[in-house]
Amino acid sequence: MENHHSLMLNLQEKHGVIFDLLKNKSFHYLDIPVHDNIGDLLIMQGTLRFFKRYGIQPKTISSLGTFDPAWIEPGDVIVFHGGGNFGDLYSNINDFREGMVERFARNMIIIMPQTIHFSSKEKEEKSALIFRKHANVHIFVRDKVTQAIAGKFSDNIYLVPDMAHQLYPMPYKKISAHGSLRIQRVDLEKRSTPPAMQGRVFEKVTDWFELVGAEKILISLVWRLEYRFKRYKWDRLAKAIGPMFWIPISHRFSRKAVHLFSQYETIVTDRLHGHILACLMSKPNIVIDNSYGKNSTYMNEWTIRSELVTLTKE
């Protein structure tokens, strides 16, 4: 076992290699998440904290809904948001990434820390061929399984933790905490509860989208504004909506998650960022794997040595 605080600080420092690539470069941060997956929002917020910590500033910050390829100039670096959307589970963003790799063959491209998963070997090989034609793609990965796959896509592969670790320590109001909270997936990556967890009593069972609740209307508003700004080529507004409007809203959502977690003594989750948020808050947490082993491979690489972390057995 390793002291949790020391482990968390050590994970943050491993991101320094990203700064080495971006130092003195002009860059764009693409594919920021505009939805109710709080895990993705934590990644974005951690990435922005990283930029601030190292004193670097993107030229533009954009989602797929606002990005305009005309913003990219010769010499600019293209930085893609990290997470777990590299593969064929989320084909729209993967198709977009492949198109950017083909279109901007002379620009450095950085993929922030990802987990890669293809259910189709044919699609994996096709995607790898596209990436291999680009001479300057740098892929950051979150686990060794992904590292092995990523080697088919580029020679520039780096093993680092998730960007949300930049948010440690996550401040929150200390209140009397009791019982267990279950953060449970309901999407493509869900799996059945292991026998060891089936008899456990939880004070609350929920998922990220339920936590956002009725405030999801704010996300719909952002989508409508993005569509309008892009359709009418209102460039300044398209560039401003992420930093000035959406990112503050995203912090509102993540604070709701922090407040929820603060009320419980133990967090049980099959969401990777349920685990990471608990670690950011120094909360004991028990983790169930997702459908393709993303949680266990990540934990075994980075967090399993913490005295606060337990990975359930099948």
C-alpha atoms as a PDB file:
ATOM      1  CA  MET A   1       0.000   0.000   0.000  1.00  0.00           C
ATOM      2  CA  GLU A   2       1.068   3.565  -0.643  1.00  0.00           C
ATOM      3  CA  ASN A   3       0.048   6.780   1.069  1.00  0.00           C
ATOM      4  CA  HIS A   4      -2.944   8.112  -0.870  1.00  0.00           C
ATOM      5  CA  HIS A   5      -1.853  11.754  -0.809  1.00  0.00           C
ATOM      6  CA  SER A   6       1.643  10.985  -2.100  1.00  0.00           C
ATOM      7  CA  LEU A   7       0.229   8.727  -4.812  1.00  0.00           C
ATOM      8  CA  MET A   8      -2.182  11.405  -6.064  1.00  0.00           C
ATOM      9  CA  LEU A   9       0.563  14.040  -6.241  1.00  0.00           C
ATOM     10  CA  ASN A  10       2.814  11.622  -8.101  1.00  0.00           C
ATOM     11  CA  LEU A  11       0.108  10.944 -10.704  1.00  0.00           C
ATOM     12  CA  GLN A  12      -0.214  14.672 -11.401  1.00  0.00           C
ATOM     13  CA  GLU A  13       3.489  15.022 -12.086  1.00  0.00           C
ATOM     14  CA  LYS A  14       3.384  12.366 -14.810  1.00  0.00           C
ATOM     15  CA  HIS A  15       1.567  14.825 -17.100  1.00  0.00           C
ATOM     16  CA  GLY A  16       4.698  16.952 -17.461  1.00  0.00           C
ATOM     17  CA  VAL A  17       5.582  15.122 -20.684  1.00  0.00           C
ATOM     18  CA  ILE A  18       2.497  16.680 -22.320  1.00  0.00           C
ATOM     19  CA  PHE A  19       3.827  20.135 -21.513  1.00  0.00           C
ATOM     20  CA  ASP A  20       7.138  19.206 -23.130  1.00  0.00           C
ATOM     21  CA  LEU A  21       5.273  18.778 -26.440  1.00  0.00           C
ATOM     22  CA  LEU A  22       3.185  21.951 -26.083  1.00  0.00           C
ATOM     23  CA  LYS A  23       5.824  24.313 -24.713  1.00  0.00           C
ATOM     24  CA  ASN A  24       6.149  27.439 -26.892  1.00  0.00           C
ATOM     25  CA  LYS A  25       3.556  26.040 -29.312  1.00  0.00           C
ATOM     26  CA  SER A  26       0.269  27.498 -30.562  1.00  0.00           C
ATOM     27  CA  PHE A  27      -2.462  24.910 -30.014  1.00  0.00           C
ATOM     28  CA  HIS A  28      -6.216  24.251 -30.160  1.00  0.00           C
ATOM     29  CA  TYR A  29      -8.134  22.114 -27.645  1.00  0.00           C
ATOM     30  CA  LEU A  30     -10.839  20.164 -29.547  1.00  0.00           C
ATOM     31  CA  ASP A  31     -13.777  17.899 -28.730  1.00  0.00           C
ATOM     32  CA  ILE A  32     -14.635  19.274 -25.295  1.00  0.00           C
ATOM     33  CA  PRO A  33     -17.663  17.361 -23.954  1.00  0.00           C
ATOM     34  CA  VAL A  34     -21.031  19.117 -23.957  1.00  0.00           C
ATOM     35  CA  HIS A  35     -23.222  16.506 -22.274  1.00  0.00           C
ATOM     36  CA  ASP A  36     -24.180  15.098 -18.875  1.00  0.00           C
ATOM     37  CA  ASN A  37     -21.346  12.595 -18.383  1.00  0.00           C
ATOM     38  CA  ILE A  38     -19.661  14.152 -15.370  1.00  0.00           C
ATOM     39  CA  GLY A  39     -16.609  11.934 -15.854  1.00  0.00           C
ATOM     40  CA  ASP A  40     -15.891  13.617 -19.178  1.00  0.00           C
ATOM     41  CA  LEU A  41     -16.455  17.012 -17.577  1.00  0.00           C
ATOM     42  CA  LEU A  42     -13.885  16.185 -14.886  1.00  0.00           C
ATOM     43  CA  ILE A  43     -11.398  15.255 -17.621  1.00  0.00           C
ATOM     44  CA  MET A  44     -12.000  18.591 -19.347  1.00  0.00           C
ATOM     45  CA  GLN A  45     -11.700  20.531 -16.105  1.00  0.00           C
ATOM     46  CA  GLY A  46      -8.511  18.657 -15.226  1.00  0.00           C
ATOM     47  CA  THR A  47      -7.084  19.405 -18.673  1.00  0.00           C
ATOM     48  CA  LEU A  48      -7.841  23.111 -18.269  1.00  0.00           C
ATOM     49  CA  ARG A  49      -6.256  23.037 -14.794  1.00  0.00           C
ATOM     50  CA  PHE A  50      -3.181  21.443 -16.367  1.00  0.00           C
ATOM     51  CA  PHE A  51      -2.932  24.210 -18.977  1.00  0.00           C
ATOM     52  CA  LYS A  52      -3.222  26.835 -16.237  1.00  0.00           C
ATOM     53  CA  ARG A  53      -0.717  25.094 -13.991  1.00  0.00           C
ATOM     54  CA  TYR A  54       1.898  25.041 -16.748  1.00  0.00           C
ATOM     55  CA  GLY A  55       1.133  28.555 -17.984  1.00  0.00           C
ATOM     56  CA  ILE A  56      -0.101  27.636 -21.465  1.00  0.00           C
ATOM     57  CA  GLN A  57      -3.293  28.802 -23.162  1.00  0.00           C
ATOM     58  CA  PRO A  58      -5.135  27.253 -26.138  1.00  0.00           C
ATOM     59  CA  LYS A  59      -5.903  29.530 -29.096  1.00  0.00           C
ATOM     60  CA  THR A  60      -9.384  28.021 -29.183  1.00  0.00           C
ATOM     61  CA  ILE A  61     -11.426  25.645 -27.014  1.00  0.00           C
ATOM     62  CA  SER A  62     -14.232  23.977 -28.941  1.00  0.00           C
ATOM     63  CA  SER A  63     -16.675  21.100 -29.087  1.00  0.00           C
ATOM     64  CA  LEU A  64     -17.519  19.237 -32.267  1.00  0.00           C
ATOM     65  CA  GLY A  65     -20.515  21.558 -32.500  1.00  0.00           C
ATOM     66  CA  THR A  66     -18.467  24.746 -32.846  1.00  0.00           C
ATOM     67  CA  PHE A  67     -15.091  23.731 -34.272  1.00  0.00           C
ATOM     68  CA  ASP A  68     -14.147  25.200 -37.641  1.00  0.00           C
ATOM     69  CA  PRO A  69     -11.147  23.664 -39.469  1.00  0.00           C
ATOM     70  CA  ALA A  70     -10.382  27.139 -40.834  1.00  0.00           C
ATOM     71  CA  TRP A  71      -9.099  28.056 -37.359  1.00  0.00           C
ATOM     72  CA  ILE A  72      -6.103  25.743 -37.795  1.00  0.00           C
ATOM     73  CA  GLU A  73      -3.041  27.480 -39.212  1.00  0.00           C
ATOM     74  CA  PRO A  74       0.304  26.027 -40.343  1.00  0.00           C
ATOM     75  CA  GLY A  75       2.369  25.173 -37.285  1.00  0.00           C
ATOM     76  CA  ASP A  76      -0.614  24.940 -34.918  1.00  0.00           C
ATOM     77  CA  VAL A  77      -0.892  21.859 -32.702  1.00  0.00           C
ATOM     78  CA  ILE A  78      -4.246  20.056 -32.572  1.00  0.00           C
ATOM     79  CA  VAL A  79      -5.031  18.687 -29.094  1.00  0.00           C
ATOM     80  CA  PHE A  80      -7.911  16.219 -28.765  1.00  0.00           C
ATOM     81  CA  HIS A  81      -9.795  15.803 -25.493  1.00  0.00           C
ATOM     82  CA  GLY A  82      -9.002  12.546 -23.695  1.00  0.00           C
ATOM     83  CA  GLY A  83     -11.271   9.942 -22.126  1.00  0.00           C
ATOM     84  CA  GLY A  84     -12.655   6.655 -23.392  1.00  0.00           C
ATOM     85  CA  ASN A  85     -14.107   7.523 -26.801  1.00  0.00           C
ATOM     86  CA  PHE A  86     -11.256   6.239 -28.989  1.00  0.00           C
ATOM     87  CA  GLY A  87     -12.699   3.267 -30.863  1.00  0.00           C
ATOM     88  CA  ASP A  88     -15.902   2.067 -32.475  1.00  0.00           C
ATOM     89  CA  LEU A  89     -18.228   2.393 -29.477  1.00  0.00           C
ATOM     90  CA  TYR A  90     -18.416   6.122 -30.207  1.00  0.00           C
ATOM     91  CA  SER A  91     -18.038   6.215 -33.981  1.00  0.00           C
ATOM     92  CA  ASN A  92     -18.938   9.880 -34.563  1.00  0.00           C
ATOM     93  CA  ILE A  93     -15.946  11.284 -32.684  1.00  0.00           C
ATOM     94  CA  ASN A  94     -13.660   8.568 -34.018  1.00  0.00           C
ATOM     95  CA  ASP A  95     -14.673   9.410 -37.588  1.00  0.00           C
ATOM     96  CA  PHE A  96     -14.035  13.091 -36.843  1.00  0.00           C
ATOM     97  CA  ARG A  97     -10.571  12.348 -35.431  1.00  0.00           C
ATOM     98  CA  GLU A  98      -9.665  10.258 -38.460  1.00  0.00           C
ATOM     99  CA  GLY A  99     -10.807  13.044 -40.767  1.00  0.00           C
ATOM    100  CA  MET A 100      -8.647  15.565 -38.911  1.00  0.00           C
ATOM    101  CA  VAL A 101      -5.630  13.264 -39.083  1.00  0.00           C
ATOM    102  CA  GLU A 102      -6.066  12.986 -42.848  1.00  0.00           C
ATOM    103  CA  ARG A 103      -6.767  16.685 -43.404  1.00  0.00           C
ATOM    104  CA  PHE A 104      -3.990  18.143 -41.244  1.00  0.00           C
ATOM    105  CA  ALA A 105      -1.083  15.918 -42.205  1.00  0.00           C
ATOM    106  CA  ARG A 106       1.483  18.667 -41.533  1.00  0.00           C
ATOM    107  CA  ASN A 107       0.232  19.699 -38.078  1.00  0.00           C
ATOM    108  CA  MET A 108       1.278  17.964 -34.876  1.00  0.00           C
ATOM    109  CA  ILE A 109      -1.693  16.118 -33.366  1.00  0.00           C
ATOM    110  CA  ILE A 110      -1.891  15.181 -29.687  1.00  0.00           C
ATOM    111  CA  ILE A 111      -4.489  12.762 -28.316  1.00  0.00           C
ATOM    112  CA  MET A 112      -4.850  13.408 -24.588  1.00  0.00           C
ATOM    113  CA  PRO A 113      -4.959  10.350 -22.258  1.00  0.00           C
ATOM    114  CA  GLN A 114      -7.350   7.776 -23.705  1.00  0.00           C
ATOM    115  CA  THR A 115      -8.545   4.219 -23.334  1.00  0.00           C
ATOM    116  CA  ILE A 116      -8.798   2.593 -26.776  1.00  0.00           C
ATOM    117  CA  HIS A 117     -11.374  -0.110 -27.492  1.00  0.00           C
ATOM    118  CA  PHE A 118     -12.513  -1.518 -30.836  1.00  0.00           C
ATOM    119  CA  SER A 119     -15.082  -4.323 -30.939  1.00  0.00           C
ATOM    120  CA  SER A 120     -14.269  -4.797 -34.637  1.00  0.00           C
ATOM    121  CA  LYS A 121     -10.710  -5.744 -35.615  1.00  0.00           C
ATOM    122  CA  GLU A 122     -11.446  -4.623 -39.158  1.00  0.00           C
ATOM    123  CA  LYS A 123     -12.361  -1.111 -37.976  1.00  0.00           C
ATOM    124  CA  GLU A 124      -9.314  -1.027 -35.699  1.00  0.00           C
ATOM    125  CA  GLU A 125      -6.966  -1.899 -38.559  1.00  0.00           C
ATOM    126  CA  LYS A 126      -8.617   0.617 -40.888  1.00  0.00           C
ATOM    127  CA  SER A 127      -8.288   3.368 -38.296  1.00  0.00           C
ATOM    128  CA  ALA A 128      -4.661   2.460 -37.571  1.00  0.00           C
ATOM    129  CA  LEU A 129      -3.800   2.759 -41.272  1.00  0.00           C
ATOM    130  CA  ILE A 130      -5.176   6.301 -41.329  1.00  0.00           C
ATOM    131  CA  PHE A 131      -3.159   7.327 -38.278  1.00  0.00           C
ATOM    132  CA  ARG A 132       0.020   5.660 -39.545  1.00  0.00           C
ATOM    133  CA  LYS A 133       0.020   7.918 -42.603  1.00  0.00           C
ATOM    134  CA  HIS A 134       0.500  10.932 -40.321  1.00  0.00           C
ATOM    135  CA  ALA A 135       4.120  11.460 -39.269  1.00  0.00           C
ATOM    136  CA  ASN A 136       3.487  13.525 -36.140  1.00  0.00           C
ATOM    137  CA  VAL A 137       0.676  12.014 -34.057  1.00  0.00           C
ATOM    138  CA  HIS A 138       1.302  11.671 -30.309  1.00  0.00           C
ATOM    139  CA  ILE A 139      -1.104   9.416 -28.403  1.00  0.00           C
ATOM    140  CA  PHE A 140      -1.315   9.468 -24.614  1.00  0.00           C
ATOM    141  CA  VAL A 141      -2.867   6.344 -23.116  1.00  0.00           C
ATOM    142  CA  ARG A 142      -4.144   5.455 -19.649  1.00  0.00           C
ATOM    143  CA  ASP A 143      -3.269   1.756 -19.399  1.00  0.00           C
ATOM    144  CA  LYS A 144      -0.958  -0.903 -20.823  1.00  0.00           C
ATOM    145  CA  VAL A 145      -3.720  -2.693 -22.755  1.00  0.00           C
ATOM    146  CA  THR A 146      -4.401   0.531 -24.648  1.00  0.00           C
ATOM    147  CA  GLN A 147      -0.659   1.116 -24.997  1.00  0.00           C
ATOM    148  CA  ALA A 148      -0.324  -2.141 -26.930  1.00  0.00           C
ATOM    149  CA  ILE A 149      -3.194  -1.209 -29.261  1.00  0.00           C
ATOM    150  CA  ALA A 150      -1.963   2.364 -29.727  1.00  0.00           C
ATOM    151  CA  GLY A 151       1.370   1.077 -31.007  1.00  0.00           C
ATOM    152  CA  LYS A 152      -0.461   0.134 -34.219  1.00  0.00           C
ATOM    153  CA  PHE A 153      -1.471   3.789 -34.692  1.00  0.00           C
ATOM    154  CA  SER A 154       1.760   5.653 -33.962  1.00  0.00           C
ATOM    155  CA  ASP A 155       5.314   5.260 -32.693  1.00  0.00           C
ATOM    156  CA  ASN A 156       4.762   8.193 -30.313  1.00  0.00           C
ATOM    157  CA  ILE A 157       2.925   6.556 -27.416  1.00  0.00           C
ATOM    158  CA  TYR A 158       3.019   7.759 -23.798  1.00  0.00           C
ATOM    159  CA  LEU A 159       1.576   6.024 -20.732  1.00  0.00           C
ATOM    160  CA  VAL A 160       0.116   8.581 -18.294  1.00  0.00           C
ATOM    161  CA  PRO A 161      -2.857   8.811 -15.912  1.00  0.00           C
ATOM    162  CA  ASP A 162      -6.211  10.458 -16.612  1.00  0.00           C
ATOM    163  CA  MET A 163      -6.245  14.269 -16.792  1.00  0.00           C
ATOM    164  CA  ALA A 164      -8.846  14.524 -14.005  1.00  0.00           C
ATOM    165  CA  HIS A 165      -6.037  13.832 -11.520  1.00  0.00           C
ATOM    166  CA  GLN A 166      -4.983  17.458 -12.015  1.00  0.00           C
ATOM    167  CA  LEU A 167      -7.999  18.399  -9.855  1.00  0.00           C
ATOM    168  CA  TYR A 168      -6.515  16.820  -6.703  1.00  0.00           C
ATOM    169  CA  PRO A 169      -7.177  17.708  -3.947  1.00  0.00           C
ATOM    170  CA  MET A 170     -10.844  18.354  -4.715  1.00  0.00           C
ATOM    171  CA  PRO A 171     -12.171  20.829  -2.127  1.00  0.00           C
ATOM    172  CA  TYR A 172     -15.540  20.185  -0.525  1.00  0.00           C
ATOM    173  CA  LYS A 173     -17.455  21.089   2.610  1.00  0.00           C
ATOM    174  CA  LYS A 174     -16.831  18.463   5.278  1.00  0.00           C
ATOM    175  CA  ILE A 175     -20.118  17.140   6.635  1.00  0.00           C
ATOM    176  CA  SER A 176     -21.116  14.056   8.594  1.00  0.00           C
ATOM    177  CA  ALA A 177     -20.839  11.211   6.065  1.00  0.00           C
ATOM    178  CA  HIS A 178     -22.476   7.804   6.413  1.00  0.00           C
ATOM    179  CA  GLY A 179     -23.321   4.701   4.414  1.00  0.00           C
ATOM    180  CA  SER A 180     -22.544   3.822   0.809  1.00  0.00           C
ATOM    181  CA  LEU A 181     -23.306   5.533  -2.486  1.00  0.00           C
ATOM    182  CA  ARG A 182     -23.550   3.471  -5.688  1.00  0.00           C
ATOM    183  CA  ILE A 183     -22.731   5.220  -8.974  1.00  0.00           C
ATOM    184  CA  GLN A 184     -23.983   2.719 -11.559  1.00  0.00           C
ATOM    185  CA  ARG A 185     -23.658   2.847 -15.343  1.00  0.00           C
ATOM    186  CA  VAL A 186     -26.740   2.540 -17.528  1.00  0.00           C
ATOM    187  CA  ASP A 187     -24.990   2.926 -20.902  1.00  0.00           C
ATOM    188  CA  LEU A 188     -23.054   0.755 -23.382  1.00  0.00           C
ATOM    189  CA  GLU A 189     -20.317  -0.007 -20.843  1.00  0.00           C
ATOM    190  CA  LYS A 190     -22.526  -1.361 -18.035  1.00  0.00           C
ATOM    191  CA  ARG A 191     -22.204  -4.922 -16.780  1.00  0.00           C
ATOM    192  CA  SER A 192     -23.956  -7.067 -14.199  1.00  0.00           C
ATOM    193  CA  THR A 193     -23.233  -6.587 -10.509  1.00  0.00           C
ATOM    194  CA  PRO A 194     -20.676  -9.127  -9.217  1.00  0.00           C
ATOM    195  CA  PRO A 195     -21.898 -11.605  -6.562  1.00  0.00           C
ATOM    196  CA  ALA A 196     -19.805  -9.939  -3.841  1.00  0.00           C
ATOM    197  CA  MET A 197     -21.843  -6.740  -4.259  1.00  0.00           C
ATOM    198  CA  GLN A 198     -25.335  -8.198  -4.726  1.00  0.00           C
ATOM    199  CA  GLY A 199     -26.239  -8.333  -1.037  1.00  0.00           C
ATOM    200  CA  ARG A 200     -24.850  -4.924  -0.154  1.00  0.00           C
ATOM    201  CA  VAL A 201     -27.236  -2.191   0.980  1.00  0.00           C
ATOM    202  CA  PHE A 202     -26.794   1.232  -0.601  1.00  0.00           C
ATOM    203  CA  GLU A 203     -28.282   4.416   0.790  1.00  0.00           C
ATOM    204  CA  LYS A 204     -28.508   5.770  -2.766  1.00  0.00           C
ATOM    205  CA  VAL A 205     -28.066   4.347  -6.287  1.00  0.00           C
ATOM    206  CA  THR A 206     -27.733   6.792  -9.181  1.00  0.00           C
ATOM    207  CA  ASP A 207     -25.771   7.690 -12.307  1.00  0.00           C
ATOM    208  CA  TRP A 208     -24.302  10.898 -13.695  1.00  0.00           C
ATOM    209  CA  PHE A 209     -27.250  11.833 -15.922  1.00  0.00           C
ATOM    210  CA  GLU A 210     -29.691  11.554 -12.989  1.00  0.00           C
ATOM    211  CA  LEU A 211     -27.465  13.879 -10.996  1.00  0.00           C
ATOM    212  CA  VAL A 212     -27.669  16.562 -13.685  1.00  0.00           C
ATOM    213  CA  GLY A 213     -31.439  16.104 -13.736  1.00  0.00           C
ATOM    214  CA  ALA A 214     -33.653  18.927 -14.993  1.00  0.00           C
ATOM    215  CA  GLU A 215     -30.621  21.139 -15.529  1.00  0.00           C
ATOM    216  CA  LYS A 216     -29.940  19.144 -18.676  1.00  0.00           C
ATOM    217  CA  ILE A 217     -31.982  21.897 -20.316  1.00  0.00           C
ATOM    218  CA  LEU A 218     -28.815  24.007 -20.065  1.00  0.00           C
ATOM    219  CA  ILE A 219     -27.013  21.463 -22.245  1.00  0.00           C
ATOM    220  CA  SER A 220     -29.794  21.650 -24.831  1.00  0.00           C
ATOM    221  CA  LEU A 221     -29.468  25.433 -24.792  1.00  0.00           C
ATOM    222  CA  VAL A 222     -25.730  25.194 -25.478  1.00  0.00           C
ATOM    223  CA  TRP A 223     -26.373  22.776 -28.354  1.00  0.00           C
ATOM    224  CA  ARG A 224     -28.863  25.180 -29.929  1.00  0.00           C
ATOM    225  CA  LEU A 225     -26.496  28.124 -29.578  1.00  0.00           C
ATOM    226  CA  GLU A 226     -23.614  26.115 -31.034  1.00  0.00           C
ATOM    227  CA  TYR A 227     -25.716  25.148 -34.031  1.00  0.00           C
ATOM    228  CA  ARG A 228     -26.790  28.746 -34.625  1.00  0.00           C
ATOM    229  CA  PHE A 229     -23.280  30.184 -34.265  1.00  0.00           C
ATOM    230  CA  LYS A 230     -21.815  27.635 -36.658  1.00  0.00           C
ATOM    231  CA  ARG A 231     -24.636  27.865 -39.200  1.00  0.00           C
ATOM    232  CA  TYR A 232     -24.393  31.646 -39.460  1.00  0.00           C
ATOM    233  CA  LYS A 233     -20.586  31.649 -39.199  1.00  0.00           C
ATOM    234  CA  TRP A 234     -20.572  33.843 -36.106  1.00  0.00           C
ATOM    235  CA  ASP A 235     -16.939  33.024 -35.499  1.00  0.00           C
ATOM    236  CA  ARG A 236     -16.290  35.084 -32.378  1.00  0.00           C
ATOM    237  CA  LEU A 237     -19.351  33.665 -30.629  1.00  0.00           C
ATOM    238  CA  ALA A 238     -18.457  30.106 -31.674  1.00  0.00           C
ATOM    239  CA  LYS A 239     -15.015  30.549 -30.123  1.00  0.00           C
ATOM    240  CA  ALA A 240     -16.427  32.146 -26.958  1.00  0.00           C
ATOM    241  CA  ILE A 241     -19.318  29.848 -26.060  1.00  0.00           C
ATOM    242  CA  GLY A 242     -17.124  27.080 -24.623  1.00  0.00           C
ATOM    243  CA  PRO A 243     -14.876  29.146 -22.316  1.00  0.00           C
ATOM    244  CA  MET A 244     -17.430  31.835 -21.429  1.00  0.00           C
ATOM    245  CA  PHE A 245     -20.663  29.865 -21.112  1.00  0.00           C
ATOM    246  CA  TRP A 246     -20.397  26.080 -21.201  1.00  0.00           C
ATOM    247  CA  ILE A 247     -17.318  25.535 -19.020  1.00  0.00           C
ATOM    248  CA  PRO A 248     -18.835  27.494 -16.070  1.00  0.00           C
ATOM    249  CA  ILE A 249     -21.997  25.376 -16.418  1.00  0.00           C
ATOM    250  CA  SER A 250     -19.876  22.206 -16.419  1.00  0.00           C
ATOM    251  CA  HIS A 251     -18.372  23.254 -13.078  1.00  0.00           C
ATOM    252  CA  ARG A 252     -21.899  23.586 -11.720  1.00  0.00           C
ATOM    253  CA  PHE A 253     -22.548  19.946 -12.658  1.00  0.00           C
ATOM    254  CA  SER A 254     -19.280  18.628 -11.212  1.00  0.00           C
ATOM    255  CA  ARG A 255     -19.919  20.505  -7.950  1.00  0.00           C
ATOM    256  CA  LYS A 256     -23.231  18.632  -7.688  1.00  0.00           C
ATOM    257  CA  ALA A 257     -21.306  15.364  -7.933  1.00  0.00           C
ATOM    258  CA  VAL A 258     -18.823  16.502  -5.287  1.00  0.00           C
ATOM    259  CA  HIS A 259     -21.662  17.494  -2.952  1.00  0.00           C
ATOM    260  CA  LEU A 260     -23.350  14.113  -3.449  1.00  0.00           C
ATOM    261  CA  PHE A 261     -20.127  12.192  -2.769  1.00  0.00           C
ATOM    262  CA  SER A 262     -19.460  14.263   0.356  1.00  0.00           C
ATOM    263  CA  GLN A 263     -22.585  12.843   2.027  1.00  0.00           C
ATOM    264  CA  TYR A 264     -21.387   9.215   1.977  1.00  0.00           C
ATOM    265  CA  GLU A 265     -18.600   7.392   3.727  1.00  0.00           C
ATOM    266  CA  THR A 266     -17.906   4.929   0.890  1.00  0.00           C
ATOM    267  CA  ILE A 267     -18.378   5.130  -2.881  1.00  0.00           C
ATOM    268  CA  VAL A 268     -19.131   1.963  -4.895  1.00  0.00           C
ATOM    269  CA  THR A 269     -18.992   2.414  -8.653  1.00  0.00           C
ATOM    270  CA  ASP A 270     -18.503   0.866 -12.074  1.00  0.00           C
ATOM    271  CA  ARG A 271     -17.670   4.293 -13.521  1.00  0.00           C
ATOM    272  CA  LEU A 272     -13.972   5.068 -13.847  1.00  0.00           C
ATOM    273  CA  HIS A 273     -14.552   8.681 -12.894  1.00  0.00           C
ATOM    274  CA  GLY A 274     -16.734   7.694  -9.973  1.00  0.00           C
ATOM    275  CA  HIS A 275     -13.547   6.023  -8.750  1.00  0.00           C
ATOM    276  CA  ILE A 276     -11.316   8.955  -9.713  1.00  0.00           C
ATOM    277  CA  LEU A 277     -13.623  11.550  -8.119  1.00  0.00           C
ATOM    278  CA  ALA A 278     -13.639   9.528  -4.898  1.00  0.00           C
ATOM    279  CA  CYS A 279      -9.830   9.517  -5.045  1.00  0.00           C
ATOM    280  CA  LEU A 280      -9.756  13.282  -5.667  1.00  0.00           C
ATOM    281  CA  MET A 281     -11.879  13.692  -2.522  1.00  0.00           C
ATOM    282  CA  SER A 282      -9.849  11.083  -0.563  1.00  0.00           C
ATOM    283  CA  LYS A 283     -12.965   8.931  -0.090  1.00  0.00           C
ATOM    284  CA  PRO A 284     -12.768   5.137   0.347  1.00  0.00           C
ATOM    285  CA  ASN A 285     -14.072   3.539  -2.837  1.00  0.00           C
ATOM    286  CA  ILE A 286     -14.903   0.089  -4.169  1.00  0.00           C
ATOM    287  CA  VAL A 287     -14.764  -0.371  -7.935  1.00  0.00           C
ATOM    288  CA  ILE A 288     -16.619  -2.810 -10.199  1.00  0.00           C
ATOM    289  CA  ASP A 289     -15.209  -3.281 -13.693  1.00  0.00           C
ATOM    290  CA  ASN A 290     -16.972  -1.929 -16.788  1.00  0.00           C
ATOM    291  CA  SER A 291     -17.943  -4.033 -19.820  1.00  0.00           C
ATOM    292  CA  TYR A 292     -14.468  -4.258 -21.384  1.00  0.00           C
ATOM    293  CA  GLY A 293     -12.081  -4.028 -18.434  1.00  0.00           C
ATOM    294  CA  LYS A 294     -11.343  -0.287 -18.561  1.00  0.00           C
ATOM    295  CA  ASN A 295     -11.612   0.191 -14.801  1.00  0.00           C
ATOM    296  CA  SER A 296      -9.429  -2.719 -13.719  1.00  0.00           C
ATOM    297  CA  THR A 297      -6.669  -2.018 -16.235  1.00  0.00           C
ATOM    298  CA  TYR A 298      -6.602   1.632 -15.182  1.00  0.00           C
ATOM    299  CA  MET A 299      -6.588   0.891 -11.463  1.00  0.00           C
ATOM    300  CA  ASN A 300      -3.918  -1.785 -11.713  1.00  0.00           C
ATOM    301  CA  GLU A 301      -1.695   0.732 -13.490  1.00  0.00           C
ATOM    302  CA  TRP A 302      -2.240   3.806 -11.296  1.00  0.00           C
ATOM    303  CA  THR A 303      -4.427   3.716  -8.192  1.00  0.00           C
ATOM    304  CA  ILE A 304      -4.642   0.213  -6.726  1.00  0.00           C
ATOM    305  CA  ARG A 305      -1.772   0.959  -4.323  1.00  0.00           C
ATOM    306  CA  SER A 306      -3.850   3.536  -2.450  1.00  0.00           C
ATOM    307  CA  GLU A 307      -5.111   2.417   0.940  1.00  0.00           C
ATOM    308  CA  LEU A 308      -8.517   3.904   0.023  1.00  0.00           C
ATOM    309  CA  VAL A 309      -9.085   1.794  -3.109  1.00  0.00           C
ATOM    310  CA  THR A 310     -10.578  -1.701  -3.541  1.00  0.00           C
ATOM    311  CA  LEU A 311     -11.226  -3.536  -6.823  1.00  0.00           C
ATOM    312  CA  THR A 312     -13.995  -6.140  -6.550  1.00  0.00           C
ATOM    313  CA  LYS A 313     -13.384  -9.710  -7.659  1.00  0.00           C
ATOM    314  CA  GLU A 314     -15.657 -11.332 -10.236  1.00  0.00           C
END
